[in-house]
PDB file of N, CA and C in Angstrom:
ATOM      1  N   MET A   1      62.058 274.509  86.807  1.00  0.00           N
ATOM      2  CA  MET A   1      62.151 272.910  86.725  1.00  0.00           C
ATOM      3  C   MET A   1      60.895 272.302  86.841  1.00  0.00           C
ATOM      4  N   THR A   2      60.719 271.258  85.990  1.00  0.00           N
ATOM      5  CA  THR A   2      59.213 270.558  85.893  1.00  0.00           C
ATOM      6  C   THR A   2      59.648 269.542  86.816  1.00  0.00           C
ATOM      7  N   GLN A   3      58.383 268.773  86.971  1.00  0.00           N
ATOM      8  CA  GLN A   3      58.434 267.733  87.857  1.00  0.00           C
ATOM      9  C   GLN A   3      59.109 266.576  87.456  1.00  0.00           C
ATOM     10  N   GLU A   4      58.980 266.120  86.072  1.00  0.00           N
ATOM     11  CA  GLU A   4      59.820 265.084  85.222  1.00  0.00           C
ATOM     12  C   GLU A   4      61.118 265.220  85.340  1.00  0.00           C
ATOM     13  N   LEU A   5      61.394 266.569  85.375  1.00  0.00           N
ATOM     14  CA  LEU A   5      63.154 266.729  85.446  1.00  0.00           C
ATOM     15  C   LEU A   5      63.596 266.517  86.807  1.00  0.00           C
ATOM     16  N   ILE A   6      62.912 267.058  87.791  1.00  0.00           N
ATOM     17  CA  ILE A   6      63.467 266.647  89.121  1.00  0.00           C
ATOM     18  C   ILE A   6      63.261 265.193  89.388  1.00  0.00           C
ATOM     19  N   ILE A   7      62.316 264.330  88.910  1.00  0.00           N
ATOM     20  CA  ILE A   7      62.211 262.874  89.021  1.00  0.00           C
ATOM     21  C   ILE A   7      63.416 262.432  88.323  1.00  0.00           C
ATOM     22  N   GLN A   8      63.478 262.778  87.193  1.00  0.00           N
ATOM     23  CA  GLN A   8      65.118 262.211  86.347  1.00  0.00           C
ATOM     24  C   GLN A   8      66.473 262.549  87.066  1.00  0.00           C
ATOM     25  N   VAL A   9      66.326 263.740  87.703  1.00  0.00           N
ATOM     26  CA  VAL A   9      67.660 264.053  88.313  1.00  0.00           C
ATOM     27  C   VAL A   9      67.985 263.131  89.501  1.00  0.00           C
ATOM     28  N   ILE A  10      66.844 262.887  90.285  1.00  0.00           N
ATOM     29  CA  ILE A  10      66.829 262.264  91.673  1.00  0.00           C
ATOM     30  C   ILE A  10      67.000 260.835  91.169  1.00  0.00           C
ATOM     31  N   SER A  11      66.488 260.236  90.257  1.00  0.00           N
ATOM     32  CA  SER A  11      66.585 258.805  90.153  1.00  0.00           C
ATOM     33  C   SER A  11      67.839 258.605  89.267  1.00  0.00           C
ATOM     34  N   ASN A  12      68.427 259.546  88.457  1.00  0.00           N
ATOM     35  CA  ASN A  12      69.933 259.447  88.275  1.00  0.00           C
ATOM     36  C   ASN A  12      70.665 259.540  89.144  1.00  0.00           C
ATOM     37  N   ALA A  13      70.550 260.275  90.277  1.00  0.00           N
ATOM     38  CA  ALA A  13      71.394 260.419  91.465  1.00  0.00           C
ATOM     39  C   ALA A  13      71.482 259.078  92.158  1.00  0.00           C
ATOM     40  N   PHE A  14      70.359 258.456  92.545  1.00  0.00           N
ATOM     41  CA  PHE A  14      70.153 257.360  93.290  1.00  0.00           C
ATOM     42  C   PHE A  14      70.814 256.109  92.250  1.00  0.00           C
ATOM     43  N   PHE A  15      70.573 255.942  91.193  1.00  0.00           N
ATOM     44  CA  PHE A  15      71.501 255.020  90.181  1.00  0.00           C
ATOM     45  C   PHE A  15      72.934 255.111  90.447  1.00  0.00           C
ATOM     46  N   THR A  16      73.313 256.335  90.133  1.00  0.00           N
ATOM     47  CA  THR A  16      74.643 256.569  90.176  1.00  0.00           C
ATOM     48  C   THR A  16      75.229 256.363  91.545  1.00  0.00           C
ATOM     49  N   SER A  17      74.811 256.707  92.589  1.00  0.00           N
ATOM     50  CA  SER A  17      75.290 256.362  93.964  1.00  0.00           C
ATOM     51  C   SER A  17      75.245 254.734  94.276  1.00  0.00           C
ATOM     52  N   PHE A  18      74.389 254.090  93.594  1.00  0.00           N
ATOM     53  CA  PHE A  18      74.229 252.741  93.816  1.00  0.00           C
ATOM     54  C   PHE A  18      75.610 252.292  92.758  1.00  0.00           C
ATOM     55  N   LEU A  19      75.412 252.645  91.798  1.00  0.00           N
ATOM     56  CA  LEU A  19      76.798 252.030  90.993  1.00  0.00           C
ATOM     57  C   LEU A  19      78.005 252.419  91.750  1.00  0.00           C
ATOM     58  N   ILE A  20      78.402 253.448  92.360  1.00  0.00           N
ATOM     59  CA  ILE A  20      79.409 253.838  92.907  1.00  0.00           C
ATOM     60  C   ILE A  20      79.639 253.021  94.115  1.00  0.00           C
ATOM     61  N   MET A  21      78.547 252.630  94.989  1.00  0.00           N
ATOM     62  CA  MET A  21      78.630 251.979  96.185  1.00  0.00           C
ATOM     63  C   MET A  21      78.670 250.393  96.009  1.00  0.00           C
ATOM     64  N   LEU A  22      78.330 249.936  94.801  1.00  0.00           N
ATOM     65  CA  LEU A  22      78.414 248.557  94.278  1.00  0.00           C
ATOM     66  C   LEU A  22      79.422 247.560  94.476  1.00  0.00           C
ATOM     67  N   PRO A  23      80.772 248.030  94.225  1.00  0.00           N
ATOM     68  CA  PRO A  23      81.920 247.316  94.146  1.00  0.00           C
ATOM     69  C   PRO A  23      82.317 246.953  95.657  1.00  0.00           C
ATOM     70  N   ALA A  24      82.184 248.098  96.460  1.00  0.00           N
ATOM     71  CA  ALA A  24      82.568 247.979  98.071  1.00  0.00           C
ATOM     72  C   ALA A  24      81.508 247.162  98.670  1.00  0.00           C
ATOM     73  N   LEU A  25      80.385 247.227  98.502  1.00  0.00           N
ATOM     74  CA  LEU A  25      79.127 246.367  98.927  1.00  0.00           C
ATOM     75  C   LEU A  25      79.248 244.944  98.756  1.00  0.00           C
ATOM     76  N   LEU A  26      79.615 244.827  97.396  1.00  0.00           N
ATOM     77  CA  LEU A  26      79.689 243.295  96.797  1.00  0.00           C
ATOM     78  C   LEU A  26      80.981 242.661  97.448  1.00  0.00           C
ATOM     79  N   THR A  27      82.052 243.478  97.376  1.00  0.00           N
ATOM     80  CA  THR A  27      83.185 242.881  98.059  1.00  0.00           C
ATOM     81  C   THR A  27      83.148 242.421  99.619  1.00  0.00           C
ATOM     82  N   ALA A  28      82.564 243.643 100.384  1.00  0.00           N
ATOM     83  CA  ALA A  28      82.304 243.183 101.731  1.00  0.00           C
ATOM     84  C   ALA A  28      81.327 242.012 101.941  1.00  0.00           C
ATOM     85  N   LEU A  29      80.314 241.813 100.978  1.00  0.00           N
ATOM     86  CA  LEU A  29      79.308 240.686 101.339  1.00  0.00           C
ATOM     87  C   LEU A  29      80.118 239.364 101.007  1.00  0.00           C
ATOM     88  N   LEU A  30      80.723 239.344  99.827  1.00  0.00           N
ATOM     89  CA  LEU A  30      81.590 238.090  99.430  1.00  0.00           C
ATOM     90  C   LEU A  30      82.292 237.576 100.425  1.00  0.00           C
ATOM     91  N   VAL A  31      83.357 238.574 100.796  1.00  0.00           N
ATOM     92  CA  VAL A  31      84.285 238.349 101.931  1.00  0.00           C
ATOM     93  C   VAL A  31      83.564 238.011 103.207  1.00  0.00           C
ATOM     94  N   GLY A  32      82.420 238.602 103.630  1.00  0.00           N
ATOM     95  CA  GLY A  32      81.728 237.999 104.833  1.00  0.00           C
ATOM     96  C   GLY A  32      81.230 236.551 104.636  1.00  0.00           C
ATOM     97  N   ILE A  33      80.565 236.376 103.468  1.00  0.00           N
ATOM     98  CA  ILE A  33      80.182 235.072 103.225  1.00  0.00           C
ATOM     99  C   ILE A  33      81.103 233.816 103.365  1.00  0.00           C
ATOM    100  N   LEU A  34      82.387 234.332 102.771  1.00  0.00           N
ATOM    101  CA  LEU A  34      83.630 233.225 102.781  1.00  0.00           C
ATOM    102  C   LEU A  34      84.138 232.962 103.945  1.00  0.00           C
ATOM    103  N   ILE A  35      84.166 234.198 104.960  1.00  0.00           N
ATOM    104  CA  ILE A  35      84.724 233.946 106.055  1.00  0.00           C
ATOM    105  C   ILE A  35      83.735 233.295 107.168  1.00  0.00           C
ATOM    106  N   SER A  36      82.350 233.467 106.985  1.00  0.00           N
ATOM    107  CA  SER A  36      81.231 232.727 107.663  1.00  0.00           C
ATOM    108  C   SER A  36      81.421 231.227 107.498  1.00  0.00           C
ATOM    109  N   ILE A  37      81.435 230.934 106.198  1.00  0.00           N
ATOM    110  CA  ILE A  37      81.698 229.455 105.860  1.00  0.00           C
ATOM    111  C   ILE A  37      83.065 228.869 106.422  1.00  0.00           C
ATOM    112  N   PHE A  38      84.097 229.712 106.272  1.00  0.00           N
ATOM    113  CA  PHE A  38      85.219 229.122 107.135  1.00  0.00           C
ATOM    114  C   PHE A  38      85.210 229.360 108.346  1.00  0.00           C
ATOM    115  N   GLN A  39      84.455 229.967 109.122  1.00  0.00           N
ATOM    116  CA  GLN A  39      84.253 229.931 110.543  1.00  0.00           C
ATOM    117  C   GLN A  39      83.384 228.709 110.894  1.00  0.00           C
ATOM    118  N   ALA A  40      82.232 228.488 110.216  1.00  0.00           N
ATOM    119  CA  ALA A  40      81.313 227.285 110.319  1.00  0.00           C
ATOM    120  C   ALA A  40      82.149 226.202 110.478  1.00  0.00           C
ATOM    121  N   ALA A  41      83.026 225.983 109.276  1.00  0.00           N
ATOM    122  CA  ALA A  41      83.716 224.675 108.865  1.00  0.00           C
ATOM    123  C   ALA A  41      84.645 224.509 110.169  1.00  0.00           C
ATOM    124  N   THR A  42      85.023 225.486 110.572  1.00  0.00           N
ATOM    125  CA  THR A  42      86.258 225.211 111.669  1.00  0.00           C
ATOM    126  C   THR A  42      85.894 225.494 112.947  1.00  0.00           C
ATOM    127  N   SER A  43      84.978 226.125 113.208  1.00  0.00           N
ATOM    128  CA  SER A  43      84.180 226.191 114.777  1.00  0.00           C
ATOM    129  C   SER A  43      85.137 227.358 115.183  1.00  0.00           C
ATOM    130  N   ILE A  44      85.732 228.318 114.430  1.00  0.00           N
ATOM    131  CA  ILE A  44      86.226 229.349 115.158  1.00  0.00           C
ATOM    132  C   ILE A  44      85.614 230.470 115.080  1.00  0.00           C
ATOM    133  N   GLN A  45      85.170 231.147 116.209  1.00  0.00           N
ATOM    134  CA  GLN A  45      84.373 232.216 116.397  1.00  0.00           C
ATOM    135  C   GLN A  45      85.111 233.345 116.762  1.00  0.00           C
ATOM    136  N   GLU A  46      86.209 233.763 116.238  1.00  0.00           N
ATOM    137  CA  GLU A  46      86.882 234.885 116.567  1.00  0.00           C
ATOM    138  C   GLU A  46      86.354 236.144 115.998  1.00  0.00           C
ATOM    139  N   MET A  47      85.956 237.118 116.713  1.00  0.00           N
ATOM    140  CA  MET A  47      85.300 238.590 116.253  1.00  0.00           C
ATOM    141  C   MET A  47      86.296 239.157 115.103  1.00  0.00           C
ATOM    142  N   THR A  48      87.343 239.296 115.430  1.00  0.00           N
ATOM    143  CA  THR A  48      88.472 240.055 114.636  1.00  0.00           C
ATOM    144  C   THR A  48      88.545 239.341 113.274  1.00  0.00           C
ATOM    145  N   LEU A  49      88.435 238.095 113.221  1.00  0.00           N
ATOM    146  CA  LEU A  49      88.448 237.253 112.036  1.00  0.00           C
ATOM    147  C   LEU A  49      87.422 237.702 110.959  1.00  0.00           C
ATOM    148  N   THR A  50      86.282 238.248 111.436  1.00  0.00           N
ATOM    149  CA  THR A  50      85.146 238.543 110.784  1.00  0.00           C
ATOM    150  C   THR A  50      85.651 240.222 110.205  1.00  0.00           C
ATOM    151  N   PHE A  51      85.978 241.065 111.129  1.00  0.00           N
ATOM    152  CA  PHE A  51      86.071 242.409 110.718  1.00  0.00           C
ATOM    153  C   PHE A  51      87.482 242.894 109.894  1.00  0.00           C
ATOM    154  N   VAL A  52      88.576 242.295 110.292  1.00  0.00           N
ATOM    155  CA  VAL A  52      89.867 242.754 109.596  1.00  0.00           C
ATOM    156  C   VAL A  52      89.820 242.284 108.217  1.00  0.00           C
ATOM    157  N   PRO A  53      89.558 241.089 107.737  1.00  0.00           N
ATOM    158  CA  PRO A  53      89.753 240.938 106.272  1.00  0.00           C
ATOM    159  C   PRO A  53      88.643 241.402 105.470  1.00  0.00           C
ATOM    160  N   LYS A  54      87.388 241.993 105.910  1.00  0.00           N
ATOM    161  CA  LYS A  54      86.850 242.513 105.397  1.00  0.00           C
ATOM    162  C   LYS A  54      87.069 243.985 105.061  1.00  0.00           C
ATOM    163  N   ILE A  55      87.586 244.625 106.209  1.00  0.00           N
ATOM    164  CA  ILE A  55      88.047 246.020 105.986  1.00  0.00           C
ATOM    165  C   ILE A  55      89.224 246.170 105.021  1.00  0.00           C
ATOM    166  N   VAL A  56      90.042 245.096 105.242  1.00  0.00           N
ATOM    167  CA  VAL A  56      91.479 245.337 104.385  1.00  0.00           C
ATOM    168  C   VAL A  56      90.974 245.113 102.892  1.00  0.00           C
ATOM    169  N   ILE A  57      90.230 244.015 102.559  1.00  0.00           N
ATOM    170  CA  ILE A  57      89.834 243.884 101.042  1.00  0.00           C
ATOM    171  C   ILE A  57      89.132 244.672 100.521  1.00  0.00           C
ATOM    172  N   THR A  58      88.171 245.334 101.322  1.00  0.00           N
ATOM    173  CA  THR A  58      87.156 246.536 100.976  1.00  0.00           C
ATOM    174  C   THR A  58      88.049 247.718 100.533  1.00  0.00           C
ATOM    175  N   ALA A  59      89.022 247.893 101.366  1.00  0.00           N
ATOM    176  CA  ALA A  59      89.730 249.159 101.070  1.00  0.00           C
ATOM    177  C   ALA A  59      90.821 248.956  99.843  1.00  0.00           C
ATOM    178  N   ILE A  60      91.230 247.608  99.762  1.00  0.00           N
ATOM    179  CA  ILE A  60      91.961 247.580  98.318  1.00  0.00           C
ATOM    180  C   ILE A  60      91.051 247.724  97.127  1.00  0.00           C
ATOM    181  N   VAL A  61      90.030 247.020  97.352  1.00  0.00           N
ATOM    182  CA  VAL A  61      88.985 247.108  96.285  1.00  0.00           C
ATOM    183  C   VAL A  61      88.824 248.534  95.891  1.00  0.00           C
ATOM    184  N   LEU A  62      88.262 249.579  97.119  1.00  0.00           N
ATOM    185  CA  LEU A  62      88.112 250.829  97.045  1.00  0.00           C
ATOM    186  C   LEU A  62      89.362 251.496  96.123  1.00  0.00           C
ATOM    187  N   VAL A  63      90.638 251.149  96.434  1.00  0.00           N
ATOM    188  CA  VAL A  63      91.721 251.926  95.842  1.00  0.00           C
ATOM    189  C   VAL A  63      91.935 251.663  94.643  1.00  0.00           C
ATOM    190  N   PHE A  64      91.446 250.248  94.073  1.00  0.00           N
ATOM    191  CA  PHE A  64      91.549 250.038  92.650  1.00  0.00           C
ATOM    192  C   PHE A  64      90.314 250.561  91.978  1.00  0.00           C
ATOM    193  N   MET A  65      89.256 250.765  92.511  1.00  0.00           N
ATOM    194  CA  MET A  65      88.222 251.246  91.881  1.00  0.00           C
ATOM    195  C   MET A  65      87.823 252.639  91.705  1.00  0.00           C
ATOM    196  N   LEU A  66      88.693 253.371  92.571  1.00  0.00           N
ATOM    197  CA  LEU A  66      88.645 254.647  92.825  1.00  0.00           C
ATOM    198  C   LEU A  66      88.615 255.357  91.500  1.00  0.00           C
ATOM    199  N   PRO A  67      89.307 255.339  90.373  1.00  0.00           N
ATOM    200  CA  PRO A  67      89.347 256.019  89.251  1.00  0.00           C
ATOM    201  C   PRO A  67      87.993 255.908  88.477  1.00  0.00           C
ATOM    202  N   TRP A  68      87.427 254.798  88.594  1.00  0.00           N
ATOM    203  CA  TRP A  68      86.244 254.333  87.907  1.00  0.00           C
ATOM    204  C   TRP A  68      85.082 255.255  88.405  1.00  0.00           C
ATOM    205  N   MET A  69      85.274 255.121  89.876  1.00  0.00           N
ATOM    206  CA  MET A  69      84.061 255.736  90.757  1.00  0.00           C
ATOM    207  C   MET A  69      84.083 257.088  90.513  1.00  0.00           C
ATOM    208  N   MET A  70      85.314 257.885  90.335  1.00  0.00           N
ATOM    209  CA  MET A  70      85.257 259.470  89.978  1.00  0.00           C
ATOM    210  C   MET A  70      84.957 259.552  88.769  1.00  0.00           C
ATOM    211  N   ASP A  71      85.131 258.761  87.848  1.00  0.00           N
ATOM    212  CA  ASP A  71      84.758 258.899  86.332  1.00  0.00           C
ATOM    213  C   ASP A  71      83.101 258.941  86.541  1.00  0.00           C
ATOM    214  N   LYS A  72      82.476 258.133  87.135  1.00  0.00           N
ATOM    215  CA  LYS A  72      80.999 258.109  87.202  1.00  0.00           C
ATOM    216  C   LYS A  72      80.532 259.399  87.889  1.00  0.00           C
ATOM    217  N   MET A  73      81.155 259.909  89.043  1.00  0.00           N
ATOM    218  CA  MET A  73      80.883 260.905  89.687  1.00  0.00           C
ATOM    219  C   MET A  73      81.071 262.203  88.885  1.00  0.00           C
ATOM    220  N   ILE A  74      82.134 262.360  87.900  1.00  0.00           N
ATOM    221  CA  ILE A  74      82.278 263.496  87.233  1.00  0.00           C
ATOM    222  C   ILE A  74      81.266 263.392  86.099  1.00  0.00           C
ATOM    223  N   VAL A  75      80.900 262.362  85.525  1.00  0.00           N
ATOM    224  CA  VAL A  75      79.887 262.129  84.470  1.00  0.00           C
ATOM    225  C   VAL A  75      78.735 262.730  85.074  1.00  0.00           C
ATOM    226  N   PHE A  76      78.107 262.400  86.362  1.00  0.00           N
ATOM    227  CA  PHE A  76      76.927 262.735  86.917  1.00  0.00           C
ATOM    228  C   PHE A  76      76.988 264.072  87.091  1.00  0.00           C
ATOM    229  N   THR A  77      78.039 264.646  87.535  1.00  0.00           N
ATOM    230  CA  THR A  77      78.170 266.175  87.986  1.00  0.00           C
ATOM    231  C   THR A  77      78.171 266.954  86.631  1.00  0.00           C
ATOM    232  N   LYS A  78      78.770 266.636  85.363  1.00  0.00           N
ATOM    233  CA  LYS A  78      78.456 267.261  84.284  1.00  0.00           C
ATOM    234  C   LYS A  78      76.951 267.253  83.667  1.00  0.00           C
ATOM    235  N   GLU A  79      76.394 266.035  83.874  1.00  0.00           N
ATOM    236  CA  GLU A  79      74.964 265.916  83.478  1.00  0.00           C
ATOM    237  C   GLU A  79      74.070 266.859  84.245  1.00  0.00           C
ATOM    238  N   ILE A  80      74.292 266.964  85.546  1.00  0.00           N
ATOM    239  CA  ILE A  80      73.591 267.983  86.316  1.00  0.00           C
ATOM    240  C   ILE A  80      73.850 269.432  86.028  1.00  0.00           C
ATOM    241  N   PHE A  81      75.266 269.837  85.779  1.00  0.00           N
ATOM    242  CA  PHE A  81      75.503 271.152  85.435  1.00  0.00           C
ATOM    243  C   PHE A  81      74.783 271.428  83.965  1.00  0.00           C
ATOM    244  N   ASN A  82      74.592 270.353  82.856  1.00  0.00           N
ATOM    245  CA  ASN A  82      74.054 270.531  81.746  1.00  0.00           C
ATOM    246  C   ASN A  82      72.632 270.925  81.976  1.00  0.00           C
ATOM    247  N   ILE A  83      72.014 269.955  83.082  1.00  0.00           N
ATOM    248  CA  ILE A  83      70.526 270.091  83.019  1.00  0.00           C
ATOM    249  C   ILE A  83      70.191 271.376  83.625  1.00  0.00           C
ATOM    250  N   ILE A  84      71.003 272.033  84.527  1.00  0.00           N
ATOM    251  CA  ILE A  84      70.958 273.326  85.235  1.00  0.00           C
ATOM    252  C   ILE A  84      70.770 274.472  84.080  1.00  0.00           C
ATOM    253  N   VAL A  85      71.793 274.465  83.285  1.00  0.00           N
ATOM    254  CA  VAL A  85      72.002 275.350  82.325  1.00  0.00           C
ATOM    255  C   VAL A  85      70.821 275.472  81.295  1.00  0.00           C
ATOM    256  N   THR A  86      70.457 274.103  80.804  1.00  0.00           N
ATOM    257  CA  THR A  86      69.435 274.078  79.803  1.00  0.00           C
ATOM    258  C   THR A  86      68.035 274.230  80.201  1.00  0.00           C
ATOM    259  N   ALA A  87      67.761 274.105  81.581  1.00  0.00           N
ATOM    260  CA  ALA A  87      66.519 273.784  82.102  1.00  0.00           C
ATOM    261  C   ALA A  87      65.851 275.227  81.683  1.00  0.00           C
ATOM    262  N   PRO A  88      64.403 274.907  81.455  1.00  0.00           N
ATOM    263  CA  PRO A  88      63.415 276.117  81.295  1.00  0.00           C
ATOM    264  C   PRO A  88      63.302 276.794  82.538  1.00  0.00           C
ATOM    265  N   LYS A  89      63.167 278.220  82.456  1.00  0.00           N
ATOM    266  CA  LYS A  89      63.159 279.075  83.643  1.00  0.00           C
ATOM    267  C   LYS A  89      61.501 279.215  83.980  1.00  0.00           C
TER     268      LYS A  89
END
């Protein structure tokens, strides 16, 4: 394997993992911001108000996005196998 091929595989792995994590991270970020605004507006500083909605909504998003995430992982795995088969020795 050449250096260019290794760099391509690693950069593709980072990009794919970023794409897979993006829905959950964005959901947690947006819910956290909305809850923070709500807490600042109402002066309610309850800690469970922060964690429970974030966990529940992020879990719901993960359940709905799981087929798309699995598809991205399968495509990446097939690309890796194709690179391993066709790589010069």
